[in-house]
Protein backbone atom coordinates (compact mmCIF):
# COMPACT_ATOMS: atom_id res chain seq x y z
CA MET A 1 -90.88 42.18 -44.14
CA SER A 2 -93.19 43.93 -41.74
CA ALA A 3 -93.30 42.90 -38.10
CA LEU A 4 -97.06 42.49 -38.36
CA LEU A 5 -96.79 40.06 -41.29
CA LEU A 6 -94.10 38.09 -39.55
CA SER A 7 -96.13 37.90 -36.35
CA ALA A 8 -99.09 36.57 -38.29
CA LEU A 9 -96.94 33.95 -39.99
CA LEU A 10 -95.52 32.82 -36.68
CA ALA A 11 -99.00 32.48 -35.21
CA ALA A 12 -100.50 30.42 -38.03
CA PRO A 13 -98.06 29.86 -40.89
CA PRO A 14 -99.61 28.84 -44.20
CA ALA A 15 -97.98 26.22 -46.39
CA ASP A 16 -98.58 28.20 -49.58
CA ASP A 17 -95.63 27.92 -52.00
CA ALA A 18 -95.58 31.67 -52.68
CA VAL A 19 -95.38 32.46 -48.97
CA VAL A 20 -92.60 29.89 -48.42
CA THR A 21 -90.65 31.36 -51.34
CA ARG A 22 -91.06 34.87 -49.96
CA LEU A 23 -89.94 33.81 -46.49
CA VAL A 24 -86.87 31.98 -47.84
CA ASP A 25 -85.99 35.02 -49.95
CA ALA A 26 -86.29 37.23 -46.87
CA LEU A 27 -83.56 35.21 -45.12
CA LYS A 28 -81.16 37.70 -46.72
CA ASP A 29 -82.26 40.33 -44.18
CA ALA A 30 -79.33 41.98 -42.42
CA ASP A 31 -81.01 41.71 -39.01
CA PRO A 32 -80.18 38.38 -37.33
CA ASP A 33 -83.35 38.55 -35.22
CA VAL A 34 -85.48 38.82 -38.35
CA ARG A 35 -83.64 35.88 -39.92
CA GLN A 36 -84.16 33.80 -36.79
CA ASN A 37 -87.90 34.56 -36.74
CA LEU A 38 -88.14 33.72 -40.44
CA ALA A 39 -86.40 30.40 -39.80
CA VAL A 40 -88.85 29.62 -37.00
CA ALA A 41 -91.80 30.45 -39.27
CA LEU A 42 -90.39 28.21 -42.02
CA ALA A 43 -89.82 25.41 -39.52
CA ARG A 44 -93.44 25.71 -38.35
CA ILE A 45 -94.57 25.34 -41.95
CA GLY A 46 -92.57 22.12 -41.96
CA PRO A 47 -91.98 19.75 -44.87
CA ALA A 48 -93.46 22.16 -47.43
CA SER A 49 -90.47 24.45 -46.85
CA VAL A 50 -87.76 21.76 -47.13
CA ASP A 51 -87.14 21.99 -50.90
CA PRO A 52 -86.85 25.81 -51.03
CA LEU A 53 -84.66 25.79 -47.93
CA THR A 54 -82.45 23.10 -49.43
CA ALA A 55 -82.01 25.24 -52.53
CA ALA A 56 -81.12 28.22 -50.32
CA LEU A 57 -78.22 26.25 -48.84
CA SER A 58 -76.27 26.99 -52.03
CA ASP A 59 -77.15 30.70 -52.15
CA GLU A 60 -74.31 33.19 -52.57
CA LEU A 61 -75.40 35.11 -49.44
CA PRO A 62 -74.02 33.56 -46.26
CA GLN A 63 -76.88 34.89 -44.11
CA ARG A 64 -79.43 33.15 -46.34
CA ARG A 65 -77.45 29.88 -46.20
CA ALA A 66 -77.21 30.13 -42.42
CA GLY A 67 -80.92 30.88 -42.02
CA ALA A 68 -81.83 27.96 -44.27
CA ALA A 69 -79.59 25.59 -42.33
CA TYR A 70 -81.07 26.77 -39.04
CA ALA A 71 -84.65 26.31 -40.29
CA LEU A 72 -83.88 22.83 -41.63
CA GLY A 73 -82.39 21.92 -38.26
CA LEU A 74 -85.55 23.10 -36.53
CA ILE A 75 -87.68 21.02 -38.90
CA GLY A 76 -85.72 17.95 -37.81
CA PRO A 77 -86.17 14.47 -39.32
CA ALA A 78 -88.74 15.71 -41.84
CA ALA A 79 -85.89 17.68 -43.46
CA LYS A 80 -83.77 14.58 -44.08
CA ALA A 81 -84.07 15.16 -47.84
CA ALA A 82 -81.80 18.18 -47.43
CA LEU A 83 -78.87 16.01 -46.40
CA PRO A 84 -76.30 15.22 -49.09
CA ALA A 85 -76.43 11.68 -50.41
């Protein structure tokens, strides 16, 4: 993901499903700084990113699971649906 695209998303993140899916998929990035910025962008999108992030919690890649958990934590109470029953 380009730095320019990520900067734009952080400034005014859209809630478009395709963008959320792309950001969640990018949580596999090897760079922890990129993953952190992605998580912040997803948290700024808010509730629209909860379902894809919840699904990412069971991903085989640990960095994607960690990024998803971090983003859900940043979203806060609006991410309550991600908690196990």
